[in-house]
Protein backbone atom coordinates (compact mmCIF):
# COMPACT_ATOMS: atom_id res chain seq x y z
CA UNK A 1 15.32 50.04 167.40
CA UNK A 2 15.53 53.23 165.36
CA UNK A 3 18.71 55.31 165.53
CA UNK A 4 18.71 58.50 167.56
CA UNK A 5 19.71 61.80 166.02
CA UNK A 6 23.40 61.45 167.00
CA UNK A 7 23.63 57.90 165.66
CA UNK A 8 21.86 59.02 162.49
CA UNK A 9 24.42 61.81 161.99
CA UNK A 10 27.30 59.34 162.34
CA UNK A 11 25.58 56.94 159.91
CA UNK A 12 25.19 59.83 157.46
CA UNK A 13 28.94 60.48 157.74
CA UNK A 14 29.73 56.84 156.94
CA UNK A 15 27.28 56.87 154.03
CA UNK A 16 28.92 60.02 152.62
CA UNK A 17 32.38 58.42 152.97
CA UNK A 18 31.12 55.26 151.27
CA UNK A 19 29.91 57.16 148.23
CA UNK A 20 33.03 59.38 148.13
CA UNK A 21 31.11 62.55 149.06
CA UNK A 22 33.70 64.23 151.28
CA UNK A 23 31.96 67.66 151.19
CA UNK A 24 28.79 66.09 152.64
CA UNK A 25 30.86 64.36 155.32
CA UNK A 26 32.70 67.59 156.21
CA UNK A 27 29.37 69.42 156.50
CA UNK A 28 28.54 67.14 159.46
CA UNK A 29 31.65 68.29 161.36
CA UNK A 30 32.02 71.24 163.69
CA UNK A 31 34.33 73.91 162.27
CA UNK A 32 36.81 73.21 165.11
CA UNK A 33 36.56 69.40 165.11
CA UNK A 34 39.31 67.43 166.87
CA UNK A 35 40.13 64.40 164.66
CA UNK A 36 42.44 61.58 165.86
CA UNK A 37 42.63 58.69 163.37
CA UNK A 38 44.30 55.40 164.36
CA UNK A 39 45.29 56.21 167.91
CA UNK A 40 48.82 54.94 168.51
CA UNK A 41 49.91 54.77 164.86
CA UNK A 42 53.55 55.56 164.13
CA UNK A 43 54.74 58.82 162.55
CA UNK A 44 55.28 57.11 159.17
CA UNK A 45 51.50 56.52 158.87
CA UNK A 46 50.50 59.48 156.71
CA UNK A 47 46.84 59.24 157.72
CA UNK A 48 47.58 58.81 161.42
CA UNK A 49 48.28 62.39 162.47
CA UNK A 50 45.83 64.31 164.63
CA UNK A 51 43.90 67.03 162.80
CA UNK A 52 42.15 70.10 164.10
CA UNK A 53 39.46 71.90 162.18
CA UNK A 54 37.32 71.03 159.20
CA UNK A 55 39.97 72.09 156.66
CA UNK A 56 42.62 69.78 158.13
CA UNK A 57 40.12 66.90 158.19
CA UNK A 58 39.45 67.62 154.51
CA UNK A 59 43.19 67.17 153.88
CA UNK A 60 43.04 63.89 155.85
CA UNK A 61 40.34 62.54 153.53
CA UNK A 62 42.37 63.59 150.47
CA UNK A 63 45.29 61.60 151.88
CA UNK A 64 43.04 58.60 152.57
CA UNK A 65 41.77 58.73 148.98
CA UNK A 66 45.29 58.89 147.58
CA UNK A 67 46.95 56.33 149.80
CA UNK A 68 44.38 53.67 150.70
CA UNK A 69 42.26 51.39 148.59
CA UNK A 70 39.58 49.76 150.72
CA UNK A 71 38.07 46.50 149.56
CA UNK A 72 35.84 46.58 152.66
CA UNK A 73 34.98 49.40 155.02
CA UNK A 74 32.12 48.29 157.18
CA UNK A 75 30.62 49.87 160.29
CA UNK A 76 28.79 46.95 161.87
CA UNK A 77 27.34 48.18 165.16
CA UNK A 78 26.53 51.50 166.82
CA UNK A 79 26.31 52.22 170.54
CA UNK A 80 25.17 55.60 171.80
CA UNK A 81 25.27 57.14 175.22
CA UNK A 82 24.82 60.83 175.87
CA UNK A 83 26.86 62.87 173.40
CA UNK A 84 28.96 59.84 172.30
CA UNK A 85 28.40 57.39 169.47
CA UNK A 86 30.71 54.38 169.25
CA UNK A 87 30.91 52.53 165.95
CA UNK A 88 32.37 49.03 165.76
CA UNK A 89 33.53 47.79 162.39
CA UNK A 90 36.12 46.27 160.11
CA UNK A 91 38.22 47.34 157.14
CA UNK A 92 40.43 45.59 154.65
CA UNK A 93 42.43 47.19 151.91
CA UNK A 94 45.81 48.05 150.50
CA UNK A 95 48.18 50.88 151.39
CA UNK A 96 49.09 52.25 147.96
CA UNK A 97 52.62 53.55 148.76
CA UNK A 98 53.73 50.16 150.15
CA UNK A 99 51.42 47.70 148.40
CA UNK A 100 50.81 46.00 151.76
CA UNK A 101 47.47 44.71 152.93
CA UNK A 102 45.60 46.13 155.90
CA UNK A 103 42.98 44.01 157.67
CA UNK A 104 41.69 45.09 161.07
CA UNK A 105 38.70 45.54 163.33
CA UNK A 106 38.19 49.07 164.59
CA UNK A 107 36.33 51.17 167.12
CA UNK A 108 35.54 54.78 166.22
CA UNK A 109 34.29 57.13 168.90
CA UNK A 110 32.39 60.27 167.92
CA UNK A 111 31.44 63.12 170.24
CA UNK A 112 28.61 65.34 169.04
CA UNK A 113 27.25 68.71 170.11
CA UNK A 114 24.39 70.64 168.55
CA UNK A 115 24.08 68.17 165.69
CA UNK A 116 27.75 68.32 164.68
CA UNK A 117 30.69 65.97 165.22
CA UNK A 118 33.16 67.80 167.49
CA UNK A 119 35.60 64.96 168.21
CA UNK A 120 36.65 61.69 166.58
CA UNK A 121 39.06 59.02 167.83
CA UNK A 122 39.81 55.73 166.05
CA UNK A 123 41.14 52.68 167.87
CA UNK A 124 42.39 49.90 165.63
CA UNK A 125 45.20 47.38 165.50
CA UNK A 126 47.90 50.05 165.37
CA UNK A 127 50.63 47.40 165.00
CA UNK A 128 48.92 46.10 161.84
CA UNK A 129 48.50 49.66 160.57
CA UNK A 130 52.19 50.41 161.24
CA UNK A 131 53.24 47.22 159.40
CA UNK A 132 51.07 48.05 156.38
CA UNK A 133 52.58 51.55 156.19
CA UNK A 134 56.20 50.56 157.00
CA UNK A 135 58.69 51.77 154.41
CA UNK A 136 60.19 49.05 152.27
C-alpha cells in the first residue's frame, strides 16, 4: 500500500529529523502549529513543554539536539484516518544532562490541514521519561 499525501508528509518530517535537517522539518509545519511532546511529562523534562508556533517548535528541536542523544529513533508503523496520521515507534538514547538512558515505545499523533502539520501530540512512557530526566 502506498502512503497517502498526509502520511507522506509525516514520513518526510521523520526523514528530515533523521538527517538533522530541522529547517526542512519546520517547513512542513503550519505557522501556528500546536506541538505537545511527551504528554504527561513532568516540568523538569526540558523537552516536554507544549509549544505554539513554528518558532517555538524550532526551539524545541534545538533543545532536543542539545539534551538527547538517540541511539535509535524509529517510526515503525503509520495509520491514517481523515486529517490524522498516527505513527507508532520506539526510541532509545541518553539524556545528556543526567546521563540516564531512555528506552520507550511511543505513539505520535499528527493533525494535518492543507498539506501542513497543524497539531502534534506524543504519547510515551512518561514515567520512564521523567526518570531519565530526574535531577541527580
